[in-house]
């Protein structure tokens, strides 16, 4: 094992918070996709042109849902790793203190 390895759990938690914020804002954007949907009646003379692009808002909504989940997963993994590092560090410190 190398003596040069260190993990900054504070930075891991900070990064997890940033990923959670990204998930939040992507979720907000996802909520806006319904605002760009348009019916054929609303499109009027452009209804035939609209037909080709009708699936786009749903597609973007689906991709944003996936992005929200991915960001939340990354945040969760970072928090889990930070907690594990801290728990292991505390356990090792206790072992060292009790042995010596």
C-alpha atoms as a PDB file:
ATOM      1  CA  UNK A   1       0.000   0.000   0.000  1.00  0.00           C
ATOM      2  CA  UNK A   2       1.269   3.442  -0.815  1.00  0.00           C
ATOM      3  CA  UNK A   3       1.576   6.293   1.668  1.00  0.00           C
ATOM      4  CA  UNK A   4       0.690   8.817  -1.049  1.00  0.00           C
ATOM      5  CA  UNK A   5      -2.981   7.870  -1.326  1.00  0.00           C
ATOM      6  CA  UNK A   6      -5.576  10.116   0.252  1.00  0.00           C
ATOM      7  CA  UNK A   7      -9.269  10.620  -0.249  1.00  0.00           C
ATOM      8  CA  UNK A   8     -10.991  13.924   0.377  1.00  0.00           C
ATOM      9  CA  UNK A   9     -14.435  12.970   1.583  1.00  0.00           C
ATOM     10  CA  UNK A  10     -15.403  16.647   1.818  1.00  0.00           C
ATOM     11  CA  UNK A  11     -14.727  17.040  -1.885  1.00  0.00           C
ATOM     12  CA  UNK A  12     -16.636  13.854  -2.616  1.00  0.00           C
ATOM     13  CA  UNK A  13     -19.631  15.224  -0.729  1.00  0.00           C
ATOM     14  CA  UNK A  14     -19.288  18.567  -2.518  1.00  0.00           C
ATOM     15  CA  UNK A  15     -19.260  16.761  -5.871  1.00  0.00           C
ATOM     16  CA  UNK A  16     -22.292  14.710  -4.818  1.00  0.00           C
ATOM     17  CA  UNK A  17     -24.152  17.933  -4.046  1.00  0.00           C
ATOM     18  CA  UNK A  18     -23.240  19.300  -7.481  1.00  0.00           C
ATOM     19  CA  UNK A  19     -24.559  16.133  -9.141  1.00  0.00           C
ATOM     20  CA  UNK A  20     -27.784  16.439  -7.121  1.00  0.00           C
ATOM     21  CA  UNK A  21     -28.136  20.042  -8.285  1.00  0.00           C
ATOM     22  CA  UNK A  22     -27.603  18.939 -11.878  1.00  0.00           C
ATOM     23  CA  UNK A  23     -30.357  16.349 -11.417  1.00  0.00           C
ATOM     24  CA  UNK A  24     -32.657  19.037 -10.054  1.00  0.00           C
ATOM     25  CA  UNK A  25     -32.098  21.409 -12.983  1.00  0.00           C
ATOM     26  CA  UNK A  26     -32.421  18.635 -15.544  1.00  0.00           C
ATOM     27  CA  UNK A  27     -35.703  17.720 -13.864  1.00  0.00           C
ATOM     28  CA  UNK A  28     -36.819  21.327 -14.167  1.00  0.00           C
ATOM     29  CA  UNK A  29     -35.966  21.287 -17.879  1.00  0.00           C
ATOM     30  CA  UNK A  30     -37.843  18.013 -18.240  1.00  0.00           C
ATOM     31  CA  UNK A  31     -40.930  19.692 -16.829  1.00  0.00           C
ATOM     32  CA  UNK A  32     -40.741  22.288 -19.594  1.00  0.00           C
ATOM     33  CA  UNK A  33     -40.847  19.839 -22.495  1.00  0.00           C
ATOM     34  CA  UNK A  34     -44.631  19.648 -22.460  1.00  0.00           C
ATOM     35  CA  UNK A  35     -44.696  23.369 -23.209  1.00  0.00           C
ATOM     36  CA  UNK A  36     -43.276  22.810 -26.684  1.00  0.00           C
ATOM     37  CA  UNK A  37     -45.789  20.153 -27.707  1.00  0.00           C
ATOM     38  CA  UNK A  38     -48.220  21.317 -30.365  1.00  0.00           C
ATOM     39  CA  UNK A  39     -51.351  19.777 -31.832  1.00  0.00           C
ATOM     40  CA  UNK A  40     -52.107  19.708 -35.543  1.00  0.00           C
ATOM     41  CA  UNK A  41     -54.874  22.228 -34.937  1.00  0.00           C
ATOM     42  CA  UNK A  42     -52.443  24.614 -33.260  1.00  0.00           C
ATOM     43  CA  UNK A  43     -49.965  24.155 -36.108  1.00  0.00           C
ATOM     44  CA  UNK A  44     -52.560  25.167 -38.674  1.00  0.00           C
ATOM     45  CA  UNK A  45     -51.054  25.284 -42.164  1.00  0.00           C
ATOM     46  CA  UNK A  46     -47.806  23.836 -40.790  1.00  0.00           C
ATOM     47  CA  UNK A  47     -49.509  20.644 -39.562  1.00  0.00           C
ATOM     48  CA  UNK A  48     -47.870  18.458 -42.222  1.00  0.00           C
ATOM     49  CA  UNK A  49     -44.431  19.816 -41.366  1.00  0.00           C
ATOM     50  CA  UNK A  50     -45.107  19.364 -37.669  1.00  0.00           C
ATOM     51  CA  UNK A  51     -45.916  15.675 -38.102  1.00  0.00           C
ATOM     52  CA  UNK A  52     -42.228  14.856 -38.623  1.00  0.00           C
ATOM     53  CA  UNK A  53     -41.202  16.577 -35.371  1.00  0.00           C
ATOM     54  CA  UNK A  54     -44.090  15.518 -33.117  1.00  0.00           C
ATOM     55  CA  UNK A  55     -42.030  12.841 -31.304  1.00  0.00           C
ATOM     56  CA  UNK A  56     -39.217  15.295 -30.436  1.00  0.00           C
ATOM     57  CA  UNK A  57     -40.599  16.633 -27.109  1.00  0.00           C
ATOM     58  CA  UNK A  58     -41.286  13.112 -25.870  1.00  0.00           C
ATOM     59  CA  UNK A  59     -37.824  11.981 -26.917  1.00  0.00           C
ATOM     60  CA  UNK A  60     -36.170  14.909 -25.125  1.00  0.00           C
ATOM     61  CA  UNK A  61     -38.341  14.259 -22.063  1.00  0.00           C
ATOM     62  CA  UNK A  62     -37.233  10.604 -21.979  1.00  0.00           C
ATOM     63  CA  UNK A  63     -33.545  11.501 -22.334  1.00  0.00           C
ATOM     64  CA  UNK A  64     -33.833  14.098 -19.573  1.00  0.00           C
ATOM     65  CA  UNK A  65     -35.465  11.501 -17.304  1.00  0.00           C
ATOM     66  CA  UNK A  66     -32.486   9.219 -17.930  1.00  0.00           C
ATOM     67  CA  UNK A  67     -30.084  12.079 -17.210  1.00  0.00           C
ATOM     68  CA  UNK A  68     -31.818  12.900 -13.916  1.00  0.00           C
ATOM     69  CA  UNK A  69     -31.527   9.268 -12.822  1.00  0.00           C
ATOM     70  CA  UNK A  70     -27.857   9.083 -13.864  1.00  0.00           C
ATOM     71  CA  UNK A  71     -26.989  12.262 -11.938  1.00  0.00           C
ATOM     72  CA  UNK A  72     -28.802  10.979  -8.857  1.00  0.00           C
ATOM     73  CA  UNK A  73     -26.983   7.648  -9.128  1.00  0.00           C
ATOM     74  CA  UNK A  74     -23.592   9.361  -9.371  1.00  0.00           C
ATOM     75  CA  UNK A  75     -24.407  11.528  -6.343  1.00  0.00           C
ATOM     76  CA  UNK A  76     -25.456   8.461  -4.377  1.00  0.00           C
ATOM     77  CA  UNK A  77     -22.291   6.575  -5.278  1.00  0.00           C
ATOM     78  CA  UNK A  78     -20.107   9.518  -4.264  1.00  0.00           C
ATOM     79  CA  UNK A  79     -21.866   9.835  -0.912  1.00  0.00           C
ATOM     80  CA  UNK A  80     -21.617   6.095  -0.312  1.00  0.00           C
ATOM     81  CA  UNK A  81     -17.897   6.152  -1.112  1.00  0.00           C
ATOM     82  CA  UNK A  82     -17.289   9.143   1.173  1.00  0.00           C
ATOM     83  CA  UNK A  83     -19.165   7.487   4.024  1.00  0.00           C
ATOM     84  CA  UNK A  84     -17.283   4.224   3.492  1.00  0.00           C
ATOM     85  CA  UNK A  85     -13.911   6.011   3.517  1.00  0.00           C
ATOM     86  CA  UNK A  86     -14.828   7.828   6.731  1.00  0.00           C
ATOM     87  CA  UNK A  87     -16.094   4.648   8.423  1.00  0.00           C
ATOM     88  CA  UNK A  88     -12.994   2.686   7.413  1.00  0.00           C
ATOM     89  CA  UNK A  89     -10.710   5.503   8.499  1.00  0.00           C
ATOM     90  CA  UNK A  90     -12.403   5.695  11.905  1.00  0.00           C
ATOM     91  CA  UNK A  91     -12.214   1.911  12.327  1.00  0.00           C
ATOM     92  CA  UNK A  92      -8.495   1.859  11.458  1.00  0.00           C
ATOM     93  CA  UNK A  93      -7.788   4.759  13.803  1.00  0.00           C
ATOM     94  CA  UNK A  94      -9.586   2.942  16.603  1.00  0.00           C
ATOM     95  CA  UNK A  95      -7.561  -0.214  15.902  1.00  0.00           C
ATOM     96  CA  UNK A  96      -4.311   1.736  15.972  1.00  0.00           C
ATOM     97  CA  UNK A  97      -5.235   3.583  19.163  1.00  0.00           C
ATOM     98  CA  UNK A  98      -6.289   0.429  20.973  1.00  0.00           C
ATOM     99  CA  UNK A  99      -3.190  -1.527  19.937  1.00  0.00           C
ATOM    100  CA  UNK A 100      -0.735   0.863  21.072  1.00  0.00           C
END
